[in-house]
Amino acid sequence: VQLVESGGGLVQPGGSLRLSCAASGLIFSSYYMSWYRRAPGKERELVAGISGAGRNPFYADSVQGRFTISRDNAMNTVYLQMNSLKPEDTAEYYCNAHSDYFKGYYWGQGTQVTVSS
């Protein structure tokens, strides 16, 4: 199984980025997909999650109304659209795939997001 994130970078406060996570080696539509982040000196934080069918997205309070998670099961890809970015959104962002049925739990390698003027 591979999860490959992309789309990170340096952006000014108020700007936008879209992260992508391309999955392979698993039955993608059967996995709950999540985005986590870890800022320097802080614990890993669940940012957003979405079911295999693309319903019932979850958002952390800190990103509610600014971030949108979506998935394209035909492309085996999950996205995180990040708008109105703030310096406190600076972190390494990780994609996670989870399935109780297949007993699978996988991580991507991460992509860095830096929000700074």
Protein backbone atom coordinates (compact mmCIF):
# COMPACT_ATOMS: atom_id res chain seq x y z
CA VAL A 1 0.00 0.00 0.00
CA GLN A 2 1.21 3.48 -0.85
CA LEU A 3 -0.19 6.86 0.06
CA VAL A 4 1.53 9.76 -1.67
CA GLU A 5 0.72 13.30 -0.62
CA SER A 6 1.36 16.36 -2.75
CA GLY A 7 0.38 20.00 -2.95
CA GLY A 8 2.12 21.43 0.08
CA GLY A 9 4.19 24.58 -0.03
CA LEU A 10 4.62 28.13 1.18
CA VAL A 11 1.60 30.40 1.12
CA GLN A 12 0.77 33.79 2.56
CA PRO A 13 -1.85 34.19 5.29
CA GLY A 14 -5.30 34.23 3.73
CA GLY A 15 -4.16 32.12 0.82
CA SER A 16 -5.24 28.68 -0.33
CA LEU A 17 -3.70 25.31 -1.05
CA ARG A 18 -5.10 21.99 -2.17
CA LEU A 19 -3.46 18.84 -0.89
CA SER A 20 -3.83 15.54 -2.70
CA CYS A 21 -3.23 12.00 -1.51
CA ALA A 22 -3.00 9.32 -4.17
CA ALA A 23 -3.53 5.78 -2.89
CA SER A 24 -2.51 2.49 -4.42
CA GLY A 25 -2.51 -1.13 -3.39
CA LEU A 26 -5.80 -1.05 -1.52
CA ILE A 27 -9.52 -1.08 -2.23
CA PHE A 28 -9.75 2.67 -1.87
CA SER A 29 -13.53 2.98 -1.62
CA SER A 30 -13.49 0.69 1.42
CA TYR A 31 -11.20 2.93 3.42
CA TYR A 32 -12.01 5.88 5.63
CA MET A 33 -9.59 8.62 4.63
CA SER A 34 -8.28 11.28 6.94
CA TRP A 35 -5.87 14.19 7.00
CA TYR A 36 -3.74 14.77 10.07
CA ARG A 37 -1.15 17.39 10.80
CA ARG A 38 1.74 17.84 13.17
CA ALA A 39 3.19 21.24 13.95
CA PRO A 40 6.65 21.59 15.49
CA GLY A 41 6.49 20.90 19.20
CA LYS A 42 2.85 19.82 19.09
CA GLU A 43 1.01 16.54 19.03
CA ARG A 44 -0.47 15.12 15.88
CA GLU A 45 -3.95 16.51 15.23
CA LEU A 46 -6.83 15.03 13.22
CA VAL A 47 -7.84 17.72 10.73
CA ALA A 48 -10.56 16.11 8.60
CA GLY A 49 -11.97 12.72 7.64
CA ILE A 50 -14.36 11.28 5.09
CA SER A 51 -16.11 7.93 4.68
CA GLY A 52 -15.53 5.54 1.81
CA ALA A 53 -18.70 6.73 0.09
CA GLY A 54 -17.74 10.36 0.55
CA ARG A 55 -20.38 11.12 3.13
CA ASN A 56 -20.33 12.58 6.63
CA PRO A 57 -17.11 14.56 6.49
CA PHE A 58 -15.55 15.41 9.82
CA TYR A 59 -13.61 18.58 10.59
CA ALA A 60 -11.63 19.71 13.57
CA ASP A 61 -13.01 22.88 15.12
CA SER A 62 -9.82 24.69 14.18
CA VAL A 63 -10.45 24.24 10.44
CA GLN A 64 -14.26 24.09 10.24
CA GLY A 65 -15.52 26.43 7.55
CA ARG A 66 -12.07 26.89 5.99
CA PHE A 67 -11.04 23.38 4.91
CA THR A 68 -12.94 20.92 2.74
CA ILE A 69 -12.16 17.24 2.41
CA SER A 70 -13.30 15.33 -0.66
CA ARG A 71 -12.45 12.13 -2.49
CA ASP A 72 -12.55 10.71 -5.99
CA ASN A 73 -12.86 6.94 -5.73
CA ALA A 74 -12.34 6.53 -9.47
CA MET A 75 -8.94 8.21 -9.09
CA ASN A 76 -8.10 6.66 -5.69
CA THR A 77 -7.40 10.14 -4.41
CA VAL A 78 -8.46 12.21 -1.42
CA TYR A 79 -8.14 15.98 -1.34
CA LEU A 80 -7.95 18.69 1.27
CA GLN A 81 -8.88 22.14 0.05
CA MET A 82 -7.50 24.69 2.49
CA ASN A 83 -8.74 28.27 2.30
CA SER A 84 -8.17 31.32 4.48
CA LEU A 85 -4.95 29.82 5.72
CA LYS A 86 -3.46 31.07 8.97
CA PRO A 87 0.09 30.87 10.33
CA GLU A 88 -1.16 28.36 12.89
CA ASP A 89 -2.01 25.99 10.02
CA THR A 90 1.72 25.56 9.43
CA ALA A 91 2.50 21.86 9.86
CA GLU A 92 3.41 18.64 8.16
CA TYR A 93 0.19 17.20 6.75
CA TYR A 94 -0.31 13.44 6.56
CA CYS A 95 -2.83 11.29 4.77
CA ASN A 96 -4.24 8.25 6.57
CA ALA A 97 -6.24 5.29 5.29
CA HIS A 98 -8.18 3.17 7.76
CA SER A 99 -10.39 0.09 7.35
CA ASP A 100 -11.67 -2.05 10.20
CA TYR A 101 -12.95 -4.62 7.71
CA PHE A 102 -9.59 -5.09 6.01
CA LYS A 103 -7.67 -4.35 9.22
CA GLY A 104 -5.68 -1.78 7.33
CA TYR A 105 -4.11 1.37 8.75
CA TYR A 106 -1.68 3.27 6.54
CA TRP A 107 0.14 6.59 6.48
CA GLY A 108 1.62 8.72 3.77
CA GLN A 109 5.04 10.35 4.03
CA GLY A 110 3.68 13.83 4.63
CA THR A 111 3.74 17.18 2.85
CA GLN A 112 4.82 20.44 4.44
CA VAL A 113 2.50 23.42 4.56
CA THR A 114 3.97 26.74 5.66
CA VAL A 115 1.78 29.81 6.07
CA SER A 116 3.90 32.91 6.38
CA SER A 117 4.23 36.41 5.01
